[in-house]
Amino acid sequence: MDSLRQNISESPLFWQPADGVENLVNQSRSVLLDIIDDLAPLVSRNTILRPHAPWYTESIHVAKREKRRRERIFMHSGLTVHKQYYKEQCDLYNTMLCDAESLYHRLEIEQADQQDLFSCCKNLTKPSVDPVLPDHSDPDDLATCYTDFFRQKLSDLEDQFVSMPVDAHHDLPSRDTCSSTFSTFHEVSEDEAVLLSGHHPSQHARWILFHLLFSKDP
């Protein structure tokens, strides 16, 4: 509060106030916004919307944070011991998550009457979850959001791999042979691309595939 009082007392609002009510209001707004931005700048955070999971407890959340902490240690060092350290926490987190979900559904079924039992079985076999999609104005905009997201993901993974120590590359799994090979390539016409995108069962995936086929990098 002392810094706020000092900045206001040293501002033009105090020493050179504008003439007229409208000009004074505009000056006050401008000066106070500048002072607030300087003392308490705006901080933005990204929030990921996920489907509600009632079995996700605080202990599981703590285990997930620990898993991510060990992952960062392994990505920074690349040592085998840190890789094993991270893998143990992954196994623990997955076990806790599966056990908690199984216990939740088991208790829900045991405590349900005949009518609720049919509802529980229906939710388990065919859950009705609304898709969580990024903000978009049209399908083309949504496809662009997805392509930008995955391109950035691939770029980040490439940067992490390049920054890893040389010794860490020996710990990566390798395969000498592969059952699938690409031997023949040919250009795809516009009609073939439209036909290929139309065969995909997901509407959003069709837009993404169509955008990837016809988008050109600047």
Protein backbone atom coordinates (compact mmCIF):
# COMPACT_ATOMS: atom_id res chain seq x y z
CA MET A 1 0.00 0.00 0.00
CA ASP A 2 2.91 2.37 0.68
CA SER A 3 4.22 1.85 -2.87
CA LEU A 4 0.76 2.47 -4.27
CA ARG A 5 0.41 5.74 -2.34
CA GLN A 6 3.87 6.84 -3.41
CA ASN A 7 3.28 6.10 -7.09
CA ILE A 8 -0.03 7.94 -7.06
CA SER A 9 1.49 10.96 -5.31
CA GLU A 10 4.31 11.08 -7.89
CA SER A 11 1.99 10.61 -10.90
CA PRO A 12 0.57 13.32 -13.21
CA LEU A 13 -2.80 12.60 -11.64
CA PHE A 14 -1.59 14.34 -8.48
CA TRP A 15 0.69 17.04 -9.91
CA GLN A 16 -0.90 17.77 -13.29
CA PRO A 17 -4.59 16.80 -13.23
CA ALA A 18 -6.46 17.11 -16.50
CA ASP A 19 -9.06 19.78 -17.13
CA GLY A 20 -12.70 18.78 -17.36
CA VAL A 21 -14.53 15.85 -15.86
CA GLU A 22 -14.21 13.53 -18.89
CA ASN A 23 -10.50 14.20 -19.33
CA LEU A 24 -9.89 13.73 -15.61
CA VAL A 25 -11.72 10.38 -15.64
CA ASN A 26 -9.66 9.17 -18.63
CA GLN A 27 -6.45 10.36 -16.99
CA SER A 28 -7.32 8.64 -13.71
CA ARG A 29 -8.11 5.40 -15.50
CA SER A 30 -4.90 5.46 -17.54
CA VAL A 31 -2.60 6.41 -14.65
CA LEU A 32 -4.11 3.94 -12.18
CA LEU A 33 -3.99 1.09 -14.70
CA ASP A 34 -0.30 1.79 -15.36
CA ILE A 35 0.45 1.85 -11.64
CA ILE A 36 -1.45 -1.38 -10.96
CA ASP A 37 0.22 -3.13 -13.92
CA ASP A 38 3.59 -2.08 -12.55
CA LEU A 39 2.93 -3.15 -8.95
CA ALA A 40 0.77 -6.23 -9.64
CA PRO A 41 1.23 -7.40 -13.24
CA LEU A 42 -1.34 -9.74 -14.70
CA VAL A 43 -0.38 -13.43 -14.47
CA SER A 44 -2.13 -15.89 -16.80
CA ARG A 45 -2.50 -19.62 -16.25
CA ASN A 46 -3.74 -22.39 -18.55
CA THR A 47 -6.35 -24.73 -17.11
CA ILE A 48 -7.04 -28.11 -18.69
CA LEU A 49 -10.67 -29.19 -18.49
CA ARG A 50 -10.99 -32.90 -17.79
CA PRO A 51 -13.99 -35.15 -17.15
CA HIS A 52 -14.99 -35.41 -13.50
CA ALA A 53 -13.43 -38.44 -11.76
CA PRO A 54 -14.82 -38.83 -8.22
CA TRP A 55 -12.26 -41.54 -7.39
CA TYR A 56 -9.35 -39.14 -8.01
CA THR A 57 -8.24 -38.37 -4.45
CA GLU A 58 -5.64 -36.03 -3.01
CA SER A 59 -3.22 -38.92 -2.40
CA ILE A 60 -3.38 -39.85 -6.08
CA HIS A 61 -2.76 -36.21 -6.99
CA VAL A 62 0.32 -36.18 -4.75
CA ALA A 63 1.57 -39.38 -6.40
CA LYS A 64 1.10 -37.77 -9.81
CA ARG A 65 3.11 -34.71 -8.79
CA GLU A 66 5.88 -36.98 -7.54
CA LYS A 67 5.80 -38.87 -10.85
CA ARG A 68 6.26 -35.65 -12.79
CA ARG A 69 9.08 -34.55 -10.47
CA ARG A 70 10.96 -37.80 -11.07
CA GLU A 71 10.33 -37.48 -14.80
CA ARG A 72 11.99 -34.06 -14.83
CA ILE A 73 14.97 -35.45 -12.92
CA PHE A 74 15.37 -38.28 -15.42
CA MET A 75 15.00 -35.98 -18.45
CA HIS A 76 17.65 -33.68 -17.01
CA SER A 77 20.21 -36.34 -16.06
CA GLY A 78 19.41 -39.24 -18.40
CA LEU A 79 20.83 -41.71 -15.88
CA THR A 80 19.57 -45.28 -15.69
CA VAL A 81 19.04 -45.04 -11.94
CA HIS A 82 16.78 -42.02 -12.40
CA LYS A 83 14.93 -43.84 -15.16
CA GLN A 84 14.21 -46.74 -12.79
CA TYR A 85 13.29 -44.25 -10.08
CA TYR A 86 10.76 -42.66 -12.43
CA LYS A 87 9.39 -46.02 -13.64
CA GLU A 88 8.71 -47.18 -10.06
CA GLN A 89 6.63 -44.06 -9.40
CA CYS A 90 4.73 -44.54 -12.67
CA ASP A 91 3.81 -48.09 -11.61
CA LEU A 92 2.75 -46.86 -8.17
CA TYR A 93 0.60 -44.06 -9.62
CA ASN A 94 -1.11 -46.35 -12.15
CA THR A 95 -1.80 -48.95 -9.45
CA MET A 96 -3.29 -46.35 -7.11
CA LEU A 97 -5.46 -44.94 -9.90
CA CYS A 98 -6.78 -48.35 -11.01
CA ASP A 99 -7.44 -49.51 -7.44
CA ALA A 100 -9.29 -46.30 -6.55
CA GLU A 101 -11.48 -46.47 -9.66
CA SER A 102 -12.24 -50.17 -9.11
CA LEU A 103 -13.15 -49.56 -5.45
CA TYR A 104 -15.42 -46.63 -6.37
CA HIS A 105 -17.38 -48.62 -8.94
CA ARG A 106 -17.53 -51.69 -6.69
CA LEU A 107 -19.05 -49.72 -3.82
CA GLU A 108 -21.41 -47.94 -6.19
CA ILE A 109 -22.73 -51.27 -7.49
CA GLU A 110 -23.01 -52.81 -4.03
CA GLN A 111 -24.99 -49.87 -2.65
CA ALA A 112 -27.29 -49.50 -5.68
CA ASP A 113 -30.86 -50.77 -5.85
CA GLN A 114 -32.31 -52.44 -8.93
CA GLN A 115 -33.07 -49.18 -10.72
CA ASP A 116 -29.73 -47.59 -9.93
CA LEU A 117 -27.93 -50.79 -10.92
CA PHE A 118 -29.13 -50.50 -14.51
CA SER A 119 -27.97 -46.87 -14.54
CA CYS A 120 -24.53 -47.86 -13.20
CA CYS A 121 -24.11 -50.59 -15.80
CA LYS A 122 -25.12 -48.20 -18.55
CA ASN A 123 -22.60 -45.59 -17.42
CA LEU A 124 -19.83 -48.18 -17.22
CA THR A 125 -20.49 -49.70 -20.63
CA LYS A 126 -21.30 -46.48 -22.47
CA PRO A 127 -20.35 -43.35 -20.51
CA SER A 128 -21.85 -40.12 -21.77
CA VAL A 129 -18.96 -37.68 -21.61
CA ASP A 130 -19.12 -34.36 -23.39
CA PRO A 131 -16.02 -33.81 -25.54
CA VAL A 132 -13.58 -31.27 -24.12
CA LEU A 133 -12.44 -29.19 -27.09
CA PRO A 134 -10.39 -26.01 -27.38
CA ASP A 135 -12.18 -22.73 -28.00
CA HIS A 136 -12.87 -22.40 -31.72
CA SER A 137 -15.11 -20.46 -34.06
CA ASP A 138 -15.43 -23.07 -36.83
CA PRO A 139 -14.10 -26.56 -37.71
CA ASP A 140 -11.17 -25.09 -39.66
CA ASP A 141 -10.10 -23.14 -36.58
CA LEU A 142 -10.37 -26.30 -34.47
CA ALA A 143 -8.21 -28.24 -36.91
CA THR A 144 -5.60 -25.48 -36.82
CA CYS A 145 -5.55 -25.61 -33.01
CA TYR A 146 -4.90 -29.36 -33.09
CA THR A 147 -2.14 -29.17 -35.70
CA ASP A 148 -0.39 -26.32 -33.87
CA PHE A 149 -0.63 -28.24 -30.59
CA PHE A 150 0.90 -31.46 -31.94
CA ARG A 151 3.57 -29.64 -33.91
CA GLN A 152 4.61 -27.86 -30.74
CA LYS A 153 4.54 -31.18 -28.86
CA LEU A 154 6.84 -32.79 -31.42
CA SER A 155 9.14 -29.78 -31.36
CA ASP A 156 9.38 -29.91 -27.55
CA LEU A 157 10.12 -33.64 -27.60
CA GLU A 158 12.82 -33.12 -30.22
CA ASP A 159 14.43 -30.36 -28.14
CA GLN A 160 14.36 -32.58 -25.03
CA PHE A 161 15.95 -35.46 -26.92
CA VAL A 162 18.70 -33.26 -28.35
CA SER A 163 19.47 -31.76 -24.93
CA MET A 164 19.80 -35.19 -23.27
CA PRO A 165 23.35 -36.35 -22.43
CA VAL A 166 24.95 -38.68 -24.93
CA ASP A 167 25.09 -41.53 -22.39
CA ALA A 168 21.33 -41.35 -21.93
CA HIS A 169 20.72 -42.36 -25.54
CA HIS A 170 22.01 -45.85 -24.77
CA ASP A 171 19.10 -46.38 -22.36
CA LEU A 172 16.49 -45.75 -25.04
CA PRO A 173 14.77 -48.87 -26.41
CA SER A 174 15.95 -49.93 -29.84
CA ARG A 175 14.66 -52.39 -32.41
CA ASP A 176 16.85 -53.92 -35.10
CA THR A 177 14.03 -55.12 -37.30
CA CYS A 178 10.55 -53.91 -38.11
CA SER A 179 7.70 -55.88 -39.62
CA SER A 180 6.34 -52.83 -41.48
CA THR A 181 8.20 -50.96 -44.19
CA PHE A 182 7.49 -48.13 -46.62
CA SER A 183 8.79 -48.93 -50.07
CA THR A 184 6.56 -47.11 -52.57
CA PHE A 185 5.37 -43.53 -52.42
CA HIS A 186 3.16 -41.52 -54.75
CA GLU A 187 1.48 -38.15 -54.72
CA VAL A 188 -2.11 -37.96 -53.52
CA SER A 189 -4.56 -36.03 -55.62
CA GLU A 190 -7.08 -33.64 -54.12
CA ASP A 191 -9.97 -36.02 -54.84
CA GLU A 192 -8.15 -38.92 -53.15
CA ALA A 193 -7.39 -36.78 -50.09
CA VAL A 194 -11.04 -35.75 -49.77
CA LEU A 195 -12.11 -39.38 -50.09
CA LEU A 196 -9.54 -40.46 -47.48
CA SER A 197 -10.62 -37.83 -44.97
CA GLY A 198 -14.28 -38.71 -45.47
CA HIS A 199 -13.74 -42.37 -44.52
CA HIS A 200 -12.57 -41.59 -40.99
CA PRO A 201 -15.32 -42.27 -38.38
CA SER A 202 -14.57 -39.16 -36.34
CA GLN A 203 -15.75 -35.83 -37.70
CA HIS A 204 -13.06 -33.85 -35.86
CA ALA A 205 -10.37 -36.27 -37.08
CA ARG A 206 -11.59 -35.76 -40.65
CA TRP A 207 -11.14 -32.01 -40.31
CA ILE A 208 -7.66 -32.47 -38.84
CA LEU A 209 -6.63 -34.90 -41.58
CA PHE A 210 -8.03 -32.61 -44.26
CA HIS A 211 -6.14 -29.65 -42.78
CA LEU A 212 -2.86 -31.60 -42.62
CA LEU A 213 -3.20 -32.69 -46.24
CA PHE A 214 -3.86 -29.25 -47.68
CA SER A 215 -2.18 -26.82 -45.27
CA LYS A 216 1.03 -25.23 -46.42
CA ASP A 217 3.70 -23.88 -44.13
CA PRO A 218 4.38 -20.19 -44.64
